[in-house]
Amino acid sequence: MPIGFENRNCKTNASLVPSIDSFDITSKFQEYFTEIKDPRVERTRWHLLTDIITIAILAVIAAAQGWEEIEEYGVNKQECLETFLELPEGIPSPDTFRRVFERINQKEFEQCFRSWVQSLVEKLIGRRSSC
């Protein structure tokens, strides 16, 4: 902490600090994104829309830049992703990620994303110290 901002009398009340882990972050994730209408033709839906969106968001959070890096993230983390995603046809290709994100309603996506982030903020509010 920068000099001048220290509070030596500050004590965090551990009983007020909620724990949040990766399960908390992902457990309801898909619920927030089910409101996005799938723009794909039924016969071309090999991958679940929520799986595609989940992998893309997690990959971007992990610094992926571009569709190929999103796919690479998915392939590298597939074993972990399979613990909470269905992945009926494995990890989507870079072209699948691109096509889906070109076609989904960006306003619907933004609203769902904001709702998800707000839910995380609400879980983390109690993490602040009592200073």
Protein backbone atom coordinates (compact mmCIF):
# COMPACT_ATOMS: atom_id res chain seq x y z
CA MET A 1 0.00 0.00 0.00
CA PRO A 2 1.42 3.46 -0.85
CA ILE A 3 2.86 5.53 1.97
CA GLY A 4 0.25 7.73 3.56
CA PHE A 5 -2.57 5.29 2.93
CA GLU A 6 -1.70 2.71 5.53
CA ASN A 7 -4.09 2.23 8.42
CA ARG A 8 -2.25 0.32 11.08
CA ASN A 9 -5.42 -0.01 13.15
CA CYS A 10 -7.25 -1.74 10.33
CA LYS A 11 -8.44 -5.23 11.11
CA THR A 12 -10.35 -7.46 8.77
CA ASN A 13 -13.12 -9.39 10.40
CA ALA A 14 -12.62 -12.84 8.93
CA SER A 15 -16.18 -13.87 9.74
CA LEU A 16 -17.47 -11.13 7.41
CA VAL A 17 -15.28 -12.15 4.49
CA PRO A 18 -17.21 -14.47 2.18
CA SER A 19 -15.23 -17.00 0.25
CA ILE A 20 -15.52 -17.05 -3.50
CA ASP A 21 -13.90 -19.63 -5.70
CA SER A 22 -14.01 -20.74 -9.30
CA PHE A 23 -17.15 -22.77 -8.64
CA ASP A 24 -18.92 -19.65 -7.34
CA ILE A 25 -17.84 -17.79 -10.47
CA THR A 26 -18.91 -20.44 -12.98
CA SER A 27 -21.80 -22.21 -11.26
CA LYS A 28 -24.44 -19.72 -12.34
CA PHE A 29 -22.54 -18.31 -15.29
CA GLN A 30 -24.55 -20.15 -17.89
CA GLU A 31 -27.83 -19.05 -16.32
CA TYR A 32 -26.96 -15.44 -17.14
CA PHE A 33 -26.25 -16.17 -20.80
CA THR A 34 -29.25 -18.35 -21.61
CA GLU A 35 -31.21 -15.21 -22.51
CA ILE A 36 -29.13 -14.74 -25.66
CA LYS A 37 -30.99 -16.00 -28.70
CA ASP A 38 -28.99 -18.49 -30.72
CA PRO A 39 -28.73 -17.05 -34.25
CA ARG A 40 -27.58 -20.31 -35.82
CA VAL A 41 -29.69 -22.60 -37.97
CA GLU A 42 -30.76 -25.66 -35.96
CA ARG A 43 -28.91 -28.12 -38.21
CA THR A 44 -25.60 -26.26 -37.72
CA ARG A 45 -25.66 -26.25 -33.91
CA TRP A 46 -22.97 -28.75 -33.03
CA HIS A 47 -21.84 -26.81 -29.97
CA LEU A 48 -24.02 -25.31 -27.25
CA LEU A 49 -24.21 -21.53 -27.39
CA THR A 50 -23.49 -21.24 -23.66
CA ASP A 51 -20.39 -23.44 -24.05
CA ILE A 52 -19.10 -21.18 -26.85
CA ILE A 53 -19.73 -18.02 -24.85
CA THR A 54 -18.24 -19.46 -21.67
CA ILE A 55 -15.02 -20.59 -23.32
CA ALA A 56 -14.65 -17.27 -25.14
CA ILE A 57 -15.11 -15.16 -22.00
CA LEU A 58 -12.79 -17.30 -19.89
CA ALA A 59 -10.17 -17.26 -22.65
CA VAL A 60 -10.31 -13.48 -23.00
CA ILE A 61 -10.02 -13.10 -19.22
CA ALA A 62 -6.91 -15.29 -19.52
CA ALA A 63 -5.50 -12.87 -22.15
CA ALA A 64 -6.50 -14.66 -25.36
CA GLN A 65 -6.38 -12.35 -28.36
CA GLY A 66 -8.22 -13.70 -31.35
CA TRP A 67 -10.28 -16.70 -32.30
CA GLU A 68 -7.31 -19.07 -32.63
CA GLU A 69 -6.12 -18.26 -29.10
CA ILE A 70 -9.66 -18.78 -27.78
CA GLU A 71 -9.70 -22.24 -29.35
CA GLU A 72 -6.20 -22.93 -28.00
CA TYR A 73 -7.35 -21.96 -24.51
CA GLY A 74 -10.30 -24.34 -24.84
CA VAL A 75 -8.13 -27.22 -26.02
CA ASN A 76 -5.57 -26.64 -23.25
CA LYS A 77 -8.26 -26.38 -20.56
CA GLN A 78 -10.68 -28.96 -21.96
CA GLU A 79 -10.37 -31.36 -19.03
CA CYS A 80 -11.24 -28.58 -16.58
CA LEU A 81 -13.98 -27.14 -18.81
CA GLU A 82 -15.64 -30.55 -19.05
CA THR A 83 -16.32 -30.41 -15.31
CA PHE A 84 -18.96 -27.69 -15.81
CA LEU A 85 -19.63 -27.50 -19.58
CA GLU A 86 -21.32 -30.12 -21.73
CA LEU A 87 -19.03 -29.86 -24.78
CA PRO A 88 -20.97 -32.48 -26.80
CA GLU A 89 -18.66 -32.02 -29.81
CA GLY A 90 -15.51 -30.94 -28.01
CA ILE A 91 -13.97 -27.50 -28.34
CA PRO A 92 -15.35 -25.33 -31.17
CA SER A 93 -13.07 -24.20 -33.98
CA PRO A 94 -11.87 -20.61 -34.33
CA ASP A 95 -14.33 -20.16 -37.23
CA THR A 96 -17.21 -21.29 -35.02
CA PHE A 97 -16.31 -18.75 -32.33
CA ARG A 98 -16.04 -16.02 -34.97
CA ARG A 99 -19.32 -16.85 -36.70
CA VAL A 100 -21.26 -17.03 -33.44
CA PHE A 101 -19.92 -13.74 -32.09
CA GLU A 102 -20.56 -12.04 -35.43
CA ARG A 103 -24.22 -13.09 -35.28
CA ILE A 104 -25.33 -12.88 -31.66
CA ASN A 105 -27.22 -9.80 -30.59
CA GLN A 106 -24.54 -7.60 -29.03
CA LYS A 107 -27.01 -5.76 -26.78
CA GLU A 108 -28.32 -9.04 -25.38
CA PHE A 109 -24.74 -10.20 -24.81
CA GLU A 110 -23.77 -6.96 -23.09
CA GLN A 111 -26.80 -7.08 -20.78
CA CYS A 112 -26.11 -10.70 -19.82
CA PHE A 113 -22.43 -9.96 -19.26
CA ARG A 114 -23.23 -6.95 -17.06
CA SER A 115 -25.68 -9.02 -15.00
CA TRP A 116 -23.07 -11.74 -14.49
CA VAL A 117 -20.37 -9.25 -13.46
CA GLN A 118 -22.84 -7.53 -11.11
CA SER A 119 -23.53 -10.88 -9.43
CA LEU A 120 -19.79 -11.30 -8.84
CA VAL A 121 -19.51 -7.80 -7.42
CA GLU A 122 -22.37 -8.52 -5.03
CA LYS A 123 -20.61 -11.70 -3.83
CA LEU A 124 -17.36 -9.81 -3.34
CA ILE A 125 -18.85 -6.77 -1.55
CA GLY A 126 -18.35 -8.43 1.83
CA ARG A 127 -14.68 -9.05 1.09
CA ARG A 128 -13.82 -5.46 1.94
CA SER A 129 -12.20 -4.95 5.30
CA SER A 130 -13.96 -3.13 8.11
CA CYS A 131 -11.67 -0.08 7.76
